[in-house]
Amino acid sequence: MKKESETGRCEGIRQSDQMVETAAVCTGSGKSMISDVLAAGADVYVTGDIDHHTGIDTVAQGLCIIDAGHYGTEYIFMEDMKERLEKAFSGTEIHLREGEESLYNIVTRLRGAA
C-alpha cells in the first residue's frame, strides 16, 4: 500500500475516527465482495476499482474503504502467489513481470504514442 501511495494511486473513504480491529483485503476489483465484507464484520476493506458512489454507499453502511487501485492490490500479491504455485506445481517455472508500473499505464501511454 505504501508503494501505491507514493505513486499517488491510493484513495481512502472513511468514517471519522473509526477504530480498526478487523481488515478485509481483496486483490484487483473487490466491488462485488462488499456485501460479504460487511457480513463478516470487517472495519476496513482494502481493494481496487471502487467507483465514487459505491464508496459513498459502503461508508454509509459503516465500512471504511481504501481503494489502492486494481494493479496496486494485485502487485503486492504476485510474489506470494508465485511461491504458492511453485510449491503446488514443482518443476514449473513461474516468471513475474519486472517493474512497478501498472500495465494499464503502459498500454495507455503506448496507445497515445501511436
Protein backbone atom coordinates (compact mmCIF):
# COMPACT_ATOMS: atom_id res chain seq x y z
CA MET A 1 0.00 0.00 0.00
CA LYS A 2 2.86 2.35 0.78
CA LYS A 3 4.26 1.91 -2.74
CA GLU A 4 0.91 2.74 -4.30
CA SER A 5 0.53 5.75 -2.02
CA GLU A 6 3.88 7.05 -3.24
CA THR A 7 2.65 6.78 -6.84
CA GLY A 8 -0.48 8.72 -5.94
CA ARG A 9 -3.00 5.95 -6.67
CA CYS A 10 -4.32 5.16 -3.20
CA GLU A 11 -7.62 6.71 -2.22
CA GLY A 12 -9.45 6.34 1.07
CA ILE A 13 -13.05 6.84 2.01
CA ARG A 14 -13.73 6.51 5.72
CA GLN A 15 -15.96 7.31 8.61
CA SER A 16 -14.48 9.81 11.01
CA ASP A 17 -12.15 8.36 13.63
CA GLN A 18 -13.41 4.78 13.31
CA MET A 19 -11.19 2.31 15.19
CA VAL A 20 -9.98 -0.58 13.02
CA GLU A 21 -9.83 -4.04 14.56
CA THR A 22 -10.63 -6.22 11.53
CA ALA A 23 -9.50 -5.64 7.95
CA ALA A 24 -10.54 -7.38 4.74
CA VAL A 25 -8.43 -7.42 1.57
CA CYS A 26 -9.37 -8.38 -1.97
CA THR A 27 -6.84 -8.02 -4.78
CA GLY A 28 -7.95 -6.49 -8.06
CA SER A 29 -11.54 -5.34 -8.26
CA GLY A 30 -13.34 -6.07 -5.00
CA LYS A 31 -16.61 -4.24 -5.55
CA SER A 32 -18.61 -7.47 -5.82
CA MET A 33 -17.36 -8.63 -2.41
CA ILE A 34 -18.58 -5.64 -0.37
CA SER A 35 -21.69 -7.41 0.95
CA ASP A 36 -19.52 -10.35 2.09
CA VAL A 37 -17.08 -7.98 3.80
CA LEU A 38 -19.95 -6.24 5.59
CA ALA A 39 -21.45 -9.60 6.64
CA ALA A 40 -18.05 -10.67 8.01
CA GLY A 41 -17.94 -7.58 10.22
CA ALA A 42 -14.75 -6.01 8.87
CA ASP A 43 -13.98 -2.42 9.87
CA VAL A 44 -11.96 -1.56 6.76
CA TYR A 45 -11.79 -3.01 3.26
CA VAL A 46 -8.69 -2.66 1.07
CA THR A 47 -9.30 -3.37 -2.62
CA GLY A 48 -9.30 -1.71 -6.03
CA ASP A 49 -11.67 -0.28 -8.63
CA ILE A 50 -14.20 1.25 -6.25
CA ASP A 51 -16.29 3.87 -8.00
CA HIS A 52 -17.38 7.05 -6.25
CA HIS A 53 -20.98 6.08 -5.50
CA THR A 54 -20.09 2.58 -4.34
CA GLY A 55 -17.55 4.09 -1.93
CA ILE A 56 -20.09 6.56 -0.55
CA ASP A 57 -22.76 3.83 -0.17
CA THR A 58 -20.30 1.50 1.53
CA VAL A 59 -19.23 4.11 4.07
CA ALA A 60 -22.92 4.84 4.78
CA GLN A 61 -23.21 1.16 5.78
CA GLY A 62 -20.40 1.62 8.32
CA LEU A 63 -17.43 0.17 6.41
CA CYS A 64 -14.26 2.19 5.81
CA ILE A 65 -12.88 1.51 2.34
CA ILE A 66 -9.44 2.03 0.82
CA ASP A 67 -9.14 1.90 -2.97
CA ALA A 68 -5.49 1.09 -3.59
CA GLY A 69 -6.06 0.52 -7.29
CA HIS A 70 -6.59 -2.65 -9.28
CA TYR A 71 -2.90 -3.07 -10.13
CA GLY A 72 -1.74 -1.87 -6.71
CA THR A 73 -3.60 -4.60 -4.86
CA GLU A 74 -2.55 -7.32 -7.30
CA TYR A 75 1.11 -6.27 -7.44
CA ILE A 76 1.64 -6.87 -3.72
CA PHE A 77 0.13 -10.34 -4.08
CA MET A 78 2.22 -11.63 -7.02
CA GLU A 79 5.30 -12.84 -5.11
CA ASP A 80 3.17 -14.82 -2.65
CA MET A 81 1.17 -16.39 -5.50
CA LYS A 82 4.40 -17.30 -7.30
CA GLU A 83 5.65 -19.16 -4.21
CA ARG A 84 2.33 -20.99 -3.79
CA LEU A 85 2.26 -22.04 -7.45
CA GLU A 86 5.87 -23.25 -7.32
CA LYS A 87 5.04 -25.41 -4.28
CA ALA A 88 1.85 -26.75 -5.84
CA PHE A 89 3.45 -27.45 -9.23
CA SER A 90 7.07 -28.35 -8.50
CA GLY A 91 9.34 -28.12 -11.52
CA THR A 92 7.22 -25.38 -13.13
CA GLU A 93 8.93 -22.07 -13.80
CA ILE A 94 6.91 -19.03 -12.77
CA HIS A 95 8.05 -15.64 -14.04
CA LEU A 96 6.84 -12.30 -12.70
CA ARG A 97 6.80 -9.15 -14.76
CA GLU A 98 9.57 -6.79 -13.70
CA GLY A 99 8.84 -3.20 -12.75
CA GLU A 100 6.28 -1.44 -10.64
CA GLU A 101 4.32 0.48 -13.27
CA SER A 102 0.75 -0.60 -13.94
CA LEU A 103 0.24 -2.36 -17.27
CA TYR A 104 -2.75 -0.06 -17.77
CA ASN A 105 -0.45 2.97 -17.65
CA ILE A 106 1.97 1.36 -20.11
CA VAL A 107 -0.77 0.43 -22.62
CA THR A 108 -2.39 3.87 -22.34
CA ARG A 109 0.96 5.55 -22.95
CA LEU A 110 1.71 3.30 -25.95
CA ARG A 111 -1.72 3.93 -27.49
CA GLY A 112 -1.23 7.66 -27.08
CA ALA A 113 2.14 7.47 -28.84
CA ALA A 114 0.68 5.72 -31.90
